[in-house]
């Protein structure tokens, strides 16, 4: 069960960040939240006593949770008919 906590925390952060920020700020906040979530999960679980390699495992779990949040937010916004960033901008070719 301890391995799912970084996923759920990153999912919550991802939903919040995706909803309230945009552009470069979204990328910076996302990367920071993923790294901090993984670091806190590694330290609080005590896995770092064995090896710091567990940070990579928690980093992958936090990234998966964050990706799930972005996918969920995109799906919800598309179902509501809100244009996403890729559809909102049209570039002249």
PDB file of N, CA and C in Angstrom:
ATOM      1  N   UNK A   1       0.813  -1.192   0.000  1.00  0.00           N
ATOM      2  CA  UNK A   1       0.000   0.000   0.000  1.00  0.00           C
ATOM      3  C   UNK A   1       0.862   1.264   0.000  1.00  0.00           C
ATOM      4  N   UNK A   2       2.057   1.166   0.600  1.00  0.00           N
ATOM      5  CA  UNK A   2       2.943   2.330   0.632  1.00  0.00           C
ATOM      6  C   UNK A   2       3.359   2.770  -0.765  1.00  0.00           C
ATOM      7  N   UNK A   3       3.368   1.842  -1.692  1.00  0.00           N
ATOM      8  CA  UNK A   3       3.806   2.172  -3.048  1.00  0.00           C
ATOM      9  C   UNK A   3       2.750   2.968  -3.819  1.00  0.00           C
ATOM     10  N   UNK A   4       1.502   2.956  -3.355  1.00  0.00           N
ATOM     11  CA  UNK A   4       0.447   3.698  -4.054  1.00  0.00           C
ATOM     12  C   UNK A   4       0.319   5.135  -3.572  1.00  0.00           C
ATOM     13  N   UNK A   5       0.892   5.450  -2.443  1.00  0.00           N
ATOM     14  CA  UNK A   5       0.756   6.798  -1.894  1.00  0.00           C
ATOM     15  C   UNK A   5       1.371   7.860  -2.811  1.00  0.00           C
ATOM     16  N   UNK A   6       2.569   7.665  -3.375  1.00  0.00           N
ATOM     17  CA  UNK A   6       3.079   8.686  -4.306  1.00  0.00           C
ATOM     18  C   UNK A   6       2.195   8.849  -5.544  1.00  0.00           C
ATOM     19  N   UNK A   7       1.555   7.775  -5.959  1.00  0.00           N
ATOM     20  CA  UNK A   7       0.671   7.860  -7.132  1.00  0.00           C
ATOM     21  C   UNK A   7      -0.536   8.743  -6.809  1.00  0.00           C
ATOM     22  N   UNK A   8      -1.153   8.517  -5.653  1.00  0.00           N
ATOM     23  CA  UNK A   8      -2.337   9.301  -5.283  1.00  0.00           C
ATOM     24  C   UNK A   8      -1.992  10.763  -5.007  1.00  0.00           C
ATOM     25  N   UNK A   9      -0.875  10.995  -4.352  1.00  0.00           N
ATOM     26  CA  UNK A   9      -0.470  12.379  -4.076  1.00  0.00           C
ATOM     27  C   UNK A   9      -0.154  13.110  -5.380  1.00  0.00           C
ATOM     28  N   UNK A  10       0.561  12.458  -6.278  1.00  0.00           N
ATOM     29  CA  UNK A  10       0.886  13.079  -7.566  1.00  0.00           C
ATOM     30  C   UNK A  10      -0.368  13.291  -8.402  1.00  0.00           C
ATOM     31  N   UNK A  11      -1.336  12.379  -8.305  1.00  0.00           N
ATOM     32  CA  UNK A  11      -2.599  12.555  -9.023  1.00  0.00           C
ATOM     33  C   UNK A  11      -3.307  13.815  -8.528  1.00  0.00           C
ATOM     34  N   UNK A  12      -3.317  14.015  -7.214  1.00  0.00           N
ATOM     35  CA  UNK A  12      -3.949  15.215  -6.658  1.00  0.00           C
ATOM     36  C   UNK A  12      -3.208  16.482  -7.089  1.00  0.00           C
ATOM     37  N   UNK A  13      -1.876  16.465  -6.987  1.00  0.00           N
ATOM     38  CA  UNK A  13      -1.093  17.620  -7.428  1.00  0.00           C
ATOM     39  C   UNK A  13      -1.280  17.868  -8.925  1.00  0.00           C
ATOM     40  N   UNK A  14      -1.285  16.802  -9.710  1.00  0.00           N
ATOM     41  CA  UNK A  14      -1.444  16.947 -11.149  1.00  0.00           C
ATOM     42  C   UNK A  14      -2.777  17.558 -11.522  1.00  0.00           C
ATOM     43  N   UNK A  15      -3.833  17.118 -10.858  1.00  0.00           N
ATOM     44  CA  UNK A  15      -5.155  17.691 -11.130  1.00  0.00           C
ATOM     45  C   UNK A  15      -5.190  19.168 -10.781  1.00  0.00           C
ATOM     46  N   UNK A  16      -4.611  19.511  -9.651  1.00  0.00           N
ATOM     47  CA  UNK A  16      -4.606  20.902  -9.214  1.00  0.00           C
ATOM     48  C   UNK A  16      -3.764  21.775 -10.144  1.00  0.00           C
ATOM     49  N   UNK A  17      -2.567  21.330 -10.447  1.00  0.00           N
ATOM     50  CA  UNK A  17      -1.669  22.116 -11.299  1.00  0.00           C
ATOM     51  C   UNK A  17      -2.234  22.264 -12.702  1.00  0.00           C
ATOM     52  N   UNK A  18      -2.799  21.188 -13.245  1.00  0.00           N
ATOM     53  CA  UNK A  18      -3.352  21.238 -14.596  1.00  0.00           C
ATOM     54  C   UNK A  18      -4.537  22.194 -14.653  1.00  0.00           C
ATOM     55  N   UNK A  19      -5.258  22.309 -13.557  1.00  0.00           N
ATOM     56  CA  UNK A  19      -6.457  23.147 -13.534  1.00  0.00           C
ATOM     57  C   UNK A  19      -6.146  24.624 -13.323  1.00  0.00           C
ATOM     58  N   UNK A  20      -5.100  24.956 -12.553  1.00  0.00           N
ATOM     59  CA  UNK A  20      -4.896  26.362 -12.192  1.00  0.00           C
ATOM     60  C   UNK A  20      -3.727  27.047 -12.895  1.00  0.00           C
ATOM     61  N   UNK A  21      -2.934  26.316 -13.665  1.00  0.00           N
ATOM     62  CA  UNK A  21      -1.789  26.963 -14.312  1.00  0.00           C
ATOM     63  C   UNK A  21      -1.787  26.666 -15.806  1.00  0.00           C
ATOM     64  N   UNK A  22      -0.904  27.373 -16.518  1.00  0.00           N
ATOM     65  CA  UNK A  22      -0.796  27.142 -17.958  1.00  0.00           C
ATOM     66  C   UNK A  22       0.617  27.499 -18.419  1.00  0.00           C
ATOM     67  N   UNK A  23       0.945  27.053 -19.612  1.00  0.00           N
ATOM     68  CA  UNK A  23       2.214  27.400 -20.233  1.00  0.00           C
ATOM     69  C   UNK A  23       3.436  26.856 -19.513  1.00  0.00           C
ATOM     70  N   UNK A  24       4.464  27.683 -19.459  1.00  0.00           N
ATOM     71  CA  UNK A  24       5.727  27.298 -18.838  1.00  0.00           C
ATOM     72  C   UNK A  24       5.554  27.052 -17.339  1.00  0.00           C
ATOM     73  N   UNK A  25       4.679  27.814 -16.701  1.00  0.00           N
ATOM     74  CA  UNK A  25       4.441  27.621 -15.266  1.00  0.00           C
ATOM     75  C   UNK A  25       3.922  26.215 -14.991  1.00  0.00           C
ATOM     76  N   UNK A  26       3.092  25.701 -15.876  1.00  0.00           N
ATOM     77  CA  UNK A  26       2.563  24.347 -15.708  1.00  0.00           C
ATOM     78  C   UNK A  26       3.689  23.316 -15.757  1.00  0.00           C
ATOM     79  N   UNK A  27       4.637  23.509 -16.656  1.00  0.00           N
ATOM     80  CA  UNK A  27       5.757  22.573 -16.783  1.00  0.00           C
ATOM     81  C   UNK A  27       6.663  22.643 -15.551  1.00  0.00           C
ATOM     82  N   UNK A  28       6.960  23.848 -15.101  1.00  0.00           N
ATOM     83  CA  UNK A  28       7.830  24.024 -13.933  1.00  0.00           C
ATOM     84  C   UNK A  28       7.169  23.464 -12.681  1.00  0.00           C
ATOM     85  N   UNK A  29       5.909  23.804 -12.454  1.00  0.00           N
ATOM     86  CA  UNK A  29       5.197  23.291 -11.283  1.00  0.00           C
ATOM     87  C   UNK A  29       5.063  21.774 -11.339  1.00  0.00           C
ATOM     88  N   UNK A  30       4.829  21.241 -12.524  1.00  0.00           N
ATOM     89  CA  UNK A  30       4.672  19.792 -12.669  1.00  0.00           C
ATOM     90  C   UNK A  30       5.959  19.055 -12.324  1.00  0.00           C
ATOM     91  N   UNK A  31       7.064  19.499 -12.892  1.00  0.00           N
ATOM     92  CA  UNK A  31       8.344  18.845 -12.620  1.00  0.00           C
ATOM     93  C   UNK A  31       8.710  18.948 -11.146  1.00  0.00           C
ATOM     94  N   UNK A  32       8.486  20.116 -10.565  1.00  0.00           N
ATOM     95  CA  UNK A  32       8.787  20.306  -9.145  1.00  0.00           C
ATOM     96  C   UNK A  32       7.918  19.403  -8.275  1.00  0.00           C
ATOM     97  N   UNK A  33       6.629  19.324  -8.586  1.00  0.00           N
ATOM     98  CA  UNK A  33       5.725  18.499  -7.791  1.00  0.00           C
ATOM     99  C   UNK A  33       6.075  17.019  -7.890  1.00  0.00           C
ATOM    100  N   UNK A  34       6.457  16.558  -9.078  1.00  0.00           N
ATOM    101  CA  UNK A  34       6.823  15.152  -9.239  1.00  0.00           C
ATOM    102  C   UNK A  34       8.069  14.824  -8.421  1.00  0.00           C
ATOM    103  N   UNK A  35       9.088  15.663  -8.513  1.00  0.00           N
ATOM    104  CA  UNK A  35      10.332  15.406  -7.785  1.00  0.00           C
ATOM    105  C   UNK A  35      10.107  15.481  -6.278  1.00  0.00           C
ATOM    106  N   UNK A  36       9.373  16.489  -5.817  1.00  0.00           N
ATOM    107  CA  UNK A  36       9.127  16.614  -4.384  1.00  0.00           C
ATOM    108  C   UNK A  36       8.276  15.464  -3.846  1.00  0.00           C
ATOM    109  N   UNK A  37       7.282  15.048  -4.603  1.00  0.00           N
ATOM    110  CA  UNK A  37       6.453  13.915  -4.181  1.00  0.00           C
ATOM    111  C   UNK A  37       7.297  12.659  -4.044  1.00  0.00           C
ATOM    112  N   UNK A  38       8.148  12.393  -5.013  1.00  0.00           N
ATOM    113  CA  UNK A  38       9.003  11.202  -4.951  1.00  0.00           C
ATOM    114  C   UNK A  38       9.991  11.290  -3.796  1.00  0.00           C
ATOM    115  N   UNK A  39      10.586  12.452  -3.597  1.00  0.00           N
ATOM    116  CA  UNK A  39      11.558  12.623  -2.521  1.00  0.00           C
ATOM    117  C   UNK A  39      10.913  12.452  -1.147  1.00  0.00           C
ATOM    118  N   UNK A  40       9.763  13.065  -0.957  1.00  0.00           N
ATOM    119  CA  UNK A  40       9.065  12.946   0.328  1.00  0.00           C
ATOM    120  C   UNK A  40       8.631  11.505   0.572  1.00  0.00           C
ATOM    121  N   UNK A  41       8.130  10.838  -0.468  1.00  0.00           N
ATOM    122  CA  UNK A  41       7.712   9.442  -0.304  1.00  0.00           C
ATOM    123  C   UNK A  41       8.893   8.544   0.050  1.00  0.00           C
ATOM    124  N   UNK A  42      10.027   8.782  -0.557  1.00  0.00           N
ATOM    125  CA  UNK A  42      11.215   7.976  -0.271  1.00  0.00           C
ATOM    126  C   UNK A  42      11.704   8.201   1.156  1.00  0.00           C
ATOM    127  N   UNK A  43      11.727   9.450   1.579  1.00  0.00           N
ATOM    128  CA  UNK A  43      12.239   9.761   2.912  1.00  0.00           C
ATOM    129  C   UNK A  43      11.262   9.303   3.996  1.00  0.00           C
ATOM    130  N   UNK A  44       9.969   9.586   3.831  1.00  0.00           N
ATOM    131  CA  UNK A  44       8.995   9.226   4.856  1.00  0.00           C
ATOM    132  C   UNK A  44       8.818   7.718   5.008  1.00  0.00           C
ATOM    133  N   UNK A  45       8.977   6.975   3.933  1.00  0.00           N
ATOM    134  CA  UNK A  45       8.839   5.524   4.033  1.00  0.00           C
ATOM    135  C   UNK A  45      10.095   4.869   4.603  1.00  0.00           C
ATOM    136  N   UNK A  46      11.201   5.594   4.632  1.00  0.00           N
ATOM    137  CA  UNK A  46      12.449   5.058   5.163  1.00  0.00           C
ATOM    138  C   UNK A  46      13.208   4.200   4.173  1.00  0.00           C
ATOM    139  N   UNK A  47      12.771   4.191   2.922  1.00  0.00           N
ATOM    140  CA  UNK A  47      13.437   3.380   1.904  1.00  0.00           C
ATOM    141  C   UNK A  47      14.856   3.854   1.624  1.00  0.00           C
ATOM    142  N   UNK A  48      15.127   5.111   1.890  1.00  0.00           N
ATOM    143  CA  UNK A  48      16.464   5.641   1.592  1.00  0.00           C
ATOM    144  C   UNK A  48      17.530   5.022   2.488  1.00  0.00           C
ATOM    145  N   UNK A  49      17.133   4.405   3.599  1.00  0.00           N
ATOM    146  CA  UNK A  49      18.121   3.730   4.457  1.00  0.00           C
ATOM    147  C   UNK A  49      18.739   2.537   3.736  1.00  0.00           C
ATOM    148  N   UNK A  50      17.926   1.860   2.926  1.00  0.00           N
ATOM    149  CA  UNK A  50      18.445   0.728   2.160  1.00  0.00           C
ATOM    150  C   UNK A  50      19.265   1.183   0.975  1.00  0.00           C
ATOM    151  N   UNK A  51      18.687   2.073   0.188  1.00  0.00           N
ATOM    152  CA  UNK A  51      19.370   2.586  -0.990  1.00  0.00           C
ATOM    153  C   UNK A  51      18.579   3.768  -1.541  1.00  0.00           C
ATOM    154  N   UNK A  52      19.309   4.711  -2.117  1.00  0.00           N
ATOM    155  CA  UNK A  52      18.649   5.849  -2.744  1.00  0.00           C
ATOM    156  C   UNK A  52      18.065   5.475  -4.102  1.00  0.00           C
ATOM    157  N   UNK A  53      18.278   4.242  -4.555  1.00  0.00           N
ATOM    158  CA  UNK A  53      17.709   3.802  -5.834  1.00  0.00           C
ATOM    159  C   UNK A  53      16.179   3.772  -5.757  1.00  0.00           C
ATOM    160  N   UNK A  54      15.647   3.654  -4.524  1.00  0.00           N
ATOM    161  CA  UNK A  54      14.193   3.666  -4.356  1.00  0.00           C
ATOM    162  C   UNK A  54      13.599   5.016  -4.754  1.00  0.00           C
ATOM    163  N   UNK A  55      14.422   6.051  -4.770  1.00  0.00           N
ATOM    164  CA  UNK A  55      13.944   7.349  -5.244  1.00  0.00           C
ATOM    165  C   UNK A  55      13.515   7.257  -6.703  1.00  0.00           C
ATOM    166  N   UNK A  56      14.235   6.470  -7.493  1.00  0.00           N
ATOM    167  CA  UNK A  56      13.850   6.294  -8.898  1.00  0.00           C
ATOM    168  C   UNK A  56      12.515   5.571  -9.028  1.00  0.00           C
ATOM    169  N   UNK A  57      12.283   4.604  -8.156  1.00  0.00           N
ATOM    170  CA  UNK A  57      11.003   3.887  -8.170  1.00  0.00           C
ATOM    171  C   UNK A  57       9.874   4.838  -7.811  1.00  0.00           C
ATOM    172  N   UNK A  58      10.067   5.623  -6.751  1.00  0.00           N
ATOM    173  CA  UNK A  58       9.039   6.584  -6.352  1.00  0.00           C
ATOM    174  C   UNK A  58       8.873   7.689  -7.387  1.00  0.00           C
ATOM    175  N   UNK A  59       9.942   8.029  -8.079  1.00  0.00           N
ATOM    176  CA  UNK A  59       9.855   9.025  -9.150  1.00  0.00           C
ATOM    177  C   UNK A  59       8.992   8.503 -10.299  1.00  0.00           C
ATOM    178  N   UNK A  60       9.160   7.238 -10.643  1.00  0.00           N
ATOM    179  CA  UNK A  60       8.329   6.637 -11.691  1.00  0.00           C
ATOM    180  C   UNK A  60       6.870   6.560 -11.251  1.00  0.00           C
ATOM    181  N   UNK A  61       6.633   6.225  -9.996  1.00  0.00           N
ATOM    182  CA  UNK A  61       5.264   6.151  -9.494  1.00  0.00           C
ATOM    183  C   UNK A  61       4.609   7.524  -9.483  1.00  0.00           C
ATOM    184  N   UNK A  62       5.336   8.545  -9.055  1.00  0.00           N
ATOM    185  CA  UNK A  62       4.800   9.900  -9.042  1.00  0.00           C
ATOM    186  C   UNK A  62       4.530  10.386 -10.461  1.00  0.00           C
ATOM    187  N   UNK A  63       5.400  10.039 -11.393  1.00  0.00           N
ATOM    188  CA  UNK A  63       5.185  10.425 -12.792  1.00  0.00           C
ATOM    189  C   UNK A  63       3.950   9.751 -13.359  1.00  0.00           C
ATOM    190  N   UNK A  64       3.733   8.495 -13.000  1.00  0.00           N
ATOM    191  CA  UNK A  64       2.542   7.778 -13.471  1.00  0.00           C
ATOM    192  C   UNK A  64       1.270   8.410 -12.912  1.00  0.00           C
ATOM    193  N   UNK A  65       1.293   8.778 -11.649  1.00  0.00           N
ATOM    194  CA  UNK A  65       0.134   9.438 -11.059  1.00  0.00           C
ATOM    195  C   UNK A  65      -0.137  10.784 -11.698  1.00  0.00           C
ATOM    196  N   UNK A  66       0.917  11.514 -11.985  1.00  0.00           N
ATOM    197  CA  UNK A  66       0.773  12.821 -12.626  1.00  0.00           C
ATOM    198  C   UNK A  66       0.233  12.672 -14.047  1.00  0.00           C
ATOM    199  N   UNK A  67       0.741  11.687 -14.772  1.00  0.00           N
ATOM    200  CA  UNK A  67       0.245  11.444 -16.134  1.00  0.00           C
ATOM    201  C   UNK A  67      -1.228  11.038 -16.105  1.00  0.00           C
ATOM    202  N   UNK A  68      -1.606  10.250 -15.110  1.00  0.00           N
ATOM    203  CA  UNK A  68      -3.013   9.874 -14.963  1.00  0.00           C
ATOM    204  C   UNK A  68      -3.897  11.080 -14.707  1.00  0.00           C
ATOM    205  N   UNK A  69      -3.410  12.016 -13.914  1.00  0.00           N
ATOM    206  CA  UNK A  69      -4.171  13.233 -13.631  1.00  0.00           C
ATOM    207  C   UNK A  69      -4.335  14.080 -14.885  1.00  0.00           C
ATOM    208  N   UNK A  70      -3.285  14.212 -15.662  1.00  0.00           N
ATOM    209  CA  UNK A  70      -3.370  14.996 -16.903  1.00  0.00           C
ATOM    210  C   UNK A  70      -4.326  14.339 -17.880  1.00  0.00           C
ATOM    211  N   UNK A  71      -4.266  13.014 -17.983  1.00  0.00           N
ATOM    212  CA  UNK A  71      -5.184  12.299 -18.873  1.00  0.00           C
ATOM    213  C   UNK A  71      -6.628  12.472 -18.403  1.00  0.00           C
ATOM    214  N   UNK A  72      -6.857  12.384 -17.098  1.00  0.00           N
ATOM    215  CA  UNK A  72      -8.211  12.548 -16.569  1.00  0.00           C
ATOM    216  C   UNK A  72      -8.725  13.960 -16.801  1.00  0.00           C
ATOM    217  N   UNK A  73      -7.875  14.966 -16.558  1.00  0.00           N
ATOM    218  CA  UNK A  73      -8.295  16.349 -16.779  1.00  0.00           C
ATOM    219  C   UNK A  73      -8.596  16.604 -18.253  1.00  0.00           C
ATOM    220  N   UNK A  74      -7.772  16.084 -19.133  1.00  0.00           N
ATOM    221  CA  UNK A  74      -8.003  16.259 -20.564  1.00  0.00           C
ATOM    222  C   UNK A  74      -9.311  15.593 -20.980  1.00  0.00           C
ATOM    223  N   UNK A  75      -9.551  14.397 -20.492  1.00  0.00           N
ATOM    224  CA  UNK A  75     -10.784  13.678 -20.818  1.00  0.00           C
ATOM    225  C   UNK A  75     -12.006  14.440 -20.316  1.00  0.00           C
ATOM    226  N   UNK A  76     -11.949  14.927 -19.087  1.00  0.00           N
ATOM    227  CA  UNK A  76     -13.086  15.656 -18.515  1.00  0.00           C
ATOM    228  C   UNK A  76     -13.352  16.937 -19.291  1.00  0.00           C
ATOM    229  N   UNK A  77     -12.287  17.682 -19.616  1.00  0.00           N
ATOM    230  CA  UNK A  77     -12.475  18.929 -20.354  1.00  0.00           C
ATOM    231  C   UNK A  77     -13.010  18.682 -21.755  1.00  0.00           C
ATOM    232  N   UNK A  78     -12.565  17.619 -22.411  1.00  0.00           N
ATOM    233  CA  UNK A  78     -13.073  17.309 -23.747  1.00  0.00           C
ATOM    234  C   UNK A  78     -14.537  16.904 -23.689  1.00  0.00           C
ATOM    235  N   UNK A  79     -14.931  16.172 -22.661  1.00  0.00           N
ATOM    236  CA  UNK A  79     -16.329  15.767 -22.516  1.00  0.00           C
ATOM    237  C   UNK A  79     -17.229  16.972 -22.267  1.00  0.00           C
ATOM    238  N   UNK A  80     -16.688  17.994 -21.603  1.00  0.00           N
ATOM    239  CA  UNK A  80     -17.461  19.212 -21.343  1.00  0.00           C
ATOM    240  C   UNK A  80     -17.453  20.160 -22.529  1.00  0.00           C
ATOM    241  N   UNK A  81     -16.653  19.877 -23.536  1.00  0.00           N
ATOM    242  CA  UNK A  81     -16.596  20.726 -24.718  1.00  0.00           C
ATOM    243  C   UNK A  81     -15.654  21.899 -24.589  1.00  0.00           C
ATOM    244  N   UNK A  82     -14.789  21.900 -23.597  1.00  0.00           N
ATOM    245  CA  UNK A  82     -13.811  22.979 -23.420  1.00  0.00           C
ATOM    246  C   UNK A  82     -12.631  22.679 -24.336  1.00  0.00           C
ATOM    247  N   UNK A  83     -12.230  23.623 -25.183  1.00  0.00           N
ATOM    248  CA  UNK A  83     -11.107  23.344 -26.081  1.00  0.00           C
ATOM    249  C   UNK A  83      -9.801  23.210 -25.308  1.00  0.00           C
ATOM    250  N   UNK A  84      -9.028  22.220 -25.675  1.00  0.00           N
ATOM    251  CA  UNK A  84      -7.726  22.006 -25.045  1.00  0.00           C
ATOM    252  C   UNK A  84      -6.683  22.901 -25.661  1.00  0.00           C
ATOM    253  N   UNK A  85      -5.485  22.908 -25.113  1.00  0.00           N
ATOM    254  CA  UNK A  85      -4.433  23.777 -25.624  1.00  0.00           C
ATOM    255  C   UNK A  85      -4.059  23.476 -27.069  1.00  0.00           C
ATOM    256  N   UNK A  86      -4.123  22.203 -27.464  1.00  0.00           N
ATOM    257  CA  UNK A  86      -3.736  21.851 -28.827  1.00  0.00           C
ATOM    258  C   UNK A  86      -4.806  22.296 -29.829  1.00  0.00           C
ATOM    259  N   UNK A  87      -6.053  22.301 -29.414  1.00  0.00           N
ATOM    260  CA  UNK A  87      -7.134  22.684 -30.314  1.00  0.00           C
ATOM    261  C   UNK A  87      -7.429  24.177 -30.271  1.00  0.00           C
ATOM    262  N   UNK A  88      -7.010  24.867 -29.208  1.00  0.00           N
ATOM    263  CA  UNK A  88      -7.339  26.276 -29.066  1.00  0.00           C
ATOM    264  C   UNK A  88      -6.457  27.153 -29.955  1.00  0.00           C
ATOM    265  N   UNK A  89      -5.271  26.702 -30.264  1.00  0.00           N
ATOM    266  CA  UNK A  89      -4.330  27.507 -31.032  1.00  0.00           C
ATOM    267  C   UNK A  89      -4.278  26.957 -32.460  1.00  0.00           C
ATOM    268  N   UNK A  90      -4.510  27.838 -33.419  1.00  0.00           N
ATOM    269  CA  UNK A  90      -4.385  27.437 -34.815  1.00  0.00           C
ATOM    270  C   UNK A  90      -3.251  28.238 -35.434  1.00  0.00           C
ATOM    271  N   UNK A  91      -2.325  27.557 -36.022  1.00  0.00           N
ATOM    272  CA  UNK A  91      -1.173  28.207 -36.632  1.00  0.00           C
ATOM    273  C   UNK A  91      -1.370  28.307 -38.133  1.00  0.00           C
ATOM    274  N   UNK A  92      -1.090  29.469 -38.709  1.00  0.00           N
ATOM    275  CA  UNK A  92      -1.174  29.576 -40.169  1.00  0.00           C
ATOM    276  C   UNK A  92      -0.038  28.800 -40.822  1.00  0.00           C
ATOM    277  N   UNK A  93      -0.378  28.046 -41.813  1.00  0.00           N
ATOM    278  CA  UNK A  93       0.639  27.238 -42.503  1.00  0.00           C
ATOM    279  C   UNK A  93       0.904  27.802 -43.873  1.00  0.00           C
TER     280      UNK A  93
END
